[in-house]
N, C-alpha and C. Protein backbone atom coordinates (compact mmCIF):
# COMPACT_ATOMS: atom_id res chain seq x y z
N MET A 1 13.23 30.45 -16.40
CA MET A 1 13.23 29.16 -15.73
C MET A 1 11.80 28.74 -15.42
N SER A 2 11.58 27.47 -15.49
CA SER A 2 10.27 26.97 -15.11
C SER A 2 10.16 26.98 -13.58
N SER A 3 8.98 26.90 -13.11
CA SER A 3 8.76 26.97 -11.67
C SER A 3 9.52 25.90 -10.88
N PRO A 4 9.44 24.60 -11.25
CA PRO A 4 10.17 23.58 -10.48
C PRO A 4 11.68 23.78 -10.49
N ALA A 5 12.25 24.11 -11.65
CA ALA A 5 13.70 24.32 -11.72
C ALA A 5 14.12 25.53 -10.90
N SER A 6 13.34 26.56 -10.96
CA SER A 6 13.64 27.76 -10.18
C SER A 6 13.57 27.48 -8.69
N TRP A 7 12.55 26.72 -8.28
CA TRP A 7 12.40 26.37 -6.87
C TRP A 7 13.58 25.53 -6.41
N THR A 8 13.97 24.53 -7.21
CA THR A 8 15.08 23.66 -6.86
C THR A 8 16.37 24.46 -6.71
N HIS A 9 16.63 25.35 -7.63
CA HIS A 9 17.84 26.18 -7.57
C HIS A 9 17.84 27.01 -6.30
N ASN A 10 16.72 27.60 -5.98
CA ASN A 10 16.63 28.43 -4.76
C ASN A 10 16.86 27.59 -3.50
N GLU A 11 16.28 26.41 -3.45
CA GLU A 11 16.43 25.55 -2.27
C GLU A 11 17.87 25.06 -2.13
N VAL A 12 18.49 24.67 -3.24
CA VAL A 12 19.89 24.23 -3.19
C VAL A 12 20.78 25.39 -2.76
N SER A 13 20.52 26.56 -3.28
CA SER A 13 21.30 27.74 -2.91
C SER A 13 21.20 28.02 -1.41
N LYS A 14 20.00 27.90 -0.86
CA LYS A 14 19.81 28.11 0.59
C LYS A 14 20.58 27.06 1.39
N GLY A 15 20.55 25.81 0.93
CA GLY A 15 21.25 24.75 1.64
C GLY A 15 22.76 24.94 1.62
N VAL A 16 23.28 25.34 0.47
CA VAL A 16 24.72 25.59 0.35
C VAL A 16 25.12 26.76 1.24
N HIS A 17 24.32 27.79 1.24
CA HIS A 17 24.62 28.96 2.08
C HIS A 17 24.61 28.57 3.56
N ALA A 18 23.64 27.76 3.97
CA ALA A 18 23.56 27.33 5.37
C ALA A 18 24.77 26.48 5.74
N ALA A 19 25.20 25.60 4.84
CA ALA A 19 26.37 24.76 5.12
C ALA A 19 27.63 25.60 5.22
N MET A 20 27.78 26.58 4.34
CA MET A 20 28.96 27.45 4.38
C MET A 20 28.97 28.27 5.67
N THR A 21 27.81 28.75 6.08
CA THR A 21 27.73 29.53 7.32
C THR A 21 28.10 28.67 8.52
N ALA A 22 27.59 27.44 8.56
CA ALA A 22 27.92 26.54 9.66
C ALA A 22 29.41 26.24 9.68
N ALA A 23 30.01 26.04 8.52
CA ALA A 23 31.44 25.75 8.45
C ALA A 23 32.27 26.93 8.94
N MET A 24 31.85 28.13 8.59
CA MET A 24 32.61 29.32 9.02
C MET A 24 32.49 29.55 10.52
N ARG A 25 31.39 29.13 11.13
CA ARG A 25 31.19 29.35 12.56
C ARG A 25 31.79 28.24 13.41
N ALA A 26 32.07 27.12 12.81
CA ALA A 26 32.57 25.97 13.57
C ALA A 26 33.95 26.26 14.16
N ASP A 27 34.19 25.69 15.30
CA ASP A 27 35.47 25.85 15.99
C ASP A 27 36.32 24.61 15.71
N VAL A 28 37.32 24.77 14.88
CA VAL A 28 38.16 23.64 14.47
C VAL A 28 38.83 22.98 15.66
N HIS A 29 39.17 23.74 16.67
CA HIS A 29 39.82 23.17 17.85
C HIS A 29 38.83 22.32 18.66
N ALA A 30 37.58 22.76 18.73
CA ALA A 30 36.57 21.97 19.44
C ALA A 30 36.26 20.67 18.69
N ILE A 31 36.21 20.75 17.37
CA ILE A 31 35.98 19.54 16.58
C ILE A 31 37.12 18.56 16.80
N ASP A 32 38.33 19.05 16.76
CA ASP A 32 39.50 18.20 17.00
C ASP A 32 39.43 17.58 18.40
N ALA A 33 39.03 18.38 19.38
CA ALA A 33 38.96 17.88 20.76
C ALA A 33 37.95 16.75 20.90
N VAL A 34 36.79 16.91 20.29
CA VAL A 34 35.77 15.88 20.45
C VAL A 34 36.10 14.63 19.64
N LEU A 35 36.68 14.79 18.48
CA LEU A 35 36.98 13.64 17.64
C LEU A 35 38.25 12.93 18.07
N VAL A 36 39.22 13.67 18.57
CA VAL A 36 40.50 13.07 18.92
C VAL A 36 40.66 12.89 20.42
N LYS A 37 40.24 13.88 21.18
CA LYS A 37 40.50 13.88 22.62
C LYS A 37 39.25 13.64 23.46
N GLY A 38 38.10 13.41 22.85
CA GLY A 38 36.88 13.15 23.61
C GLY A 38 36.29 14.37 24.27
N GLY A 39 36.54 15.55 23.74
CA GLY A 39 36.00 16.78 24.32
C GLY A 39 34.57 17.02 23.91
N ARG A 40 34.10 18.24 24.08
CA ARG A 40 32.72 18.59 23.73
C ARG A 40 32.71 19.64 22.64
N LEU A 41 31.67 19.61 21.81
CA LEU A 41 31.53 20.59 20.72
C LEU A 41 30.63 21.75 21.12
N ASP A 42 30.97 22.93 20.63
CA ASP A 42 30.10 24.09 20.78
C ASP A 42 28.92 23.91 19.82
N PRO A 43 27.82 24.64 20.00
CA PRO A 43 26.63 24.46 19.16
C PRO A 43 26.88 24.62 17.66
N ASN A 44 27.68 25.59 17.25
CA ASN A 44 27.94 25.78 15.83
C ASN A 44 28.72 24.62 15.23
N SER A 45 29.66 24.09 15.97
CA SER A 45 30.43 22.94 15.48
C SER A 45 29.57 21.69 15.42
N ARG A 46 28.68 21.51 16.40
CA ARG A 46 27.76 20.36 16.36
C ARG A 46 26.88 20.42 15.13
N LYS A 47 26.41 21.62 14.79
CA LYS A 47 25.56 21.80 13.62
C LYS A 47 26.30 21.41 12.35
N LEU A 48 27.56 21.76 12.25
CA LEU A 48 28.36 21.42 11.07
C LEU A 48 28.60 19.92 10.99
N VAL A 49 29.00 19.31 12.08
CA VAL A 49 29.35 17.89 12.08
C VAL A 49 28.11 17.02 12.04
N GLY A 50 27.07 17.42 12.76
CA GLY A 50 25.85 16.63 12.87
C GLY A 50 25.01 16.75 11.70
């Protein structure tokens, strides 16, 4: 791989991994509460939604 393509692949991979980690840590009940019932989100759920 050339340097730019290799760099892009690595950066995309890091971003996907970060998004997957945020999704796994998010509290589905807290997200539902804030979106439907006006509750508050925990930090991991805010990171996923925000």
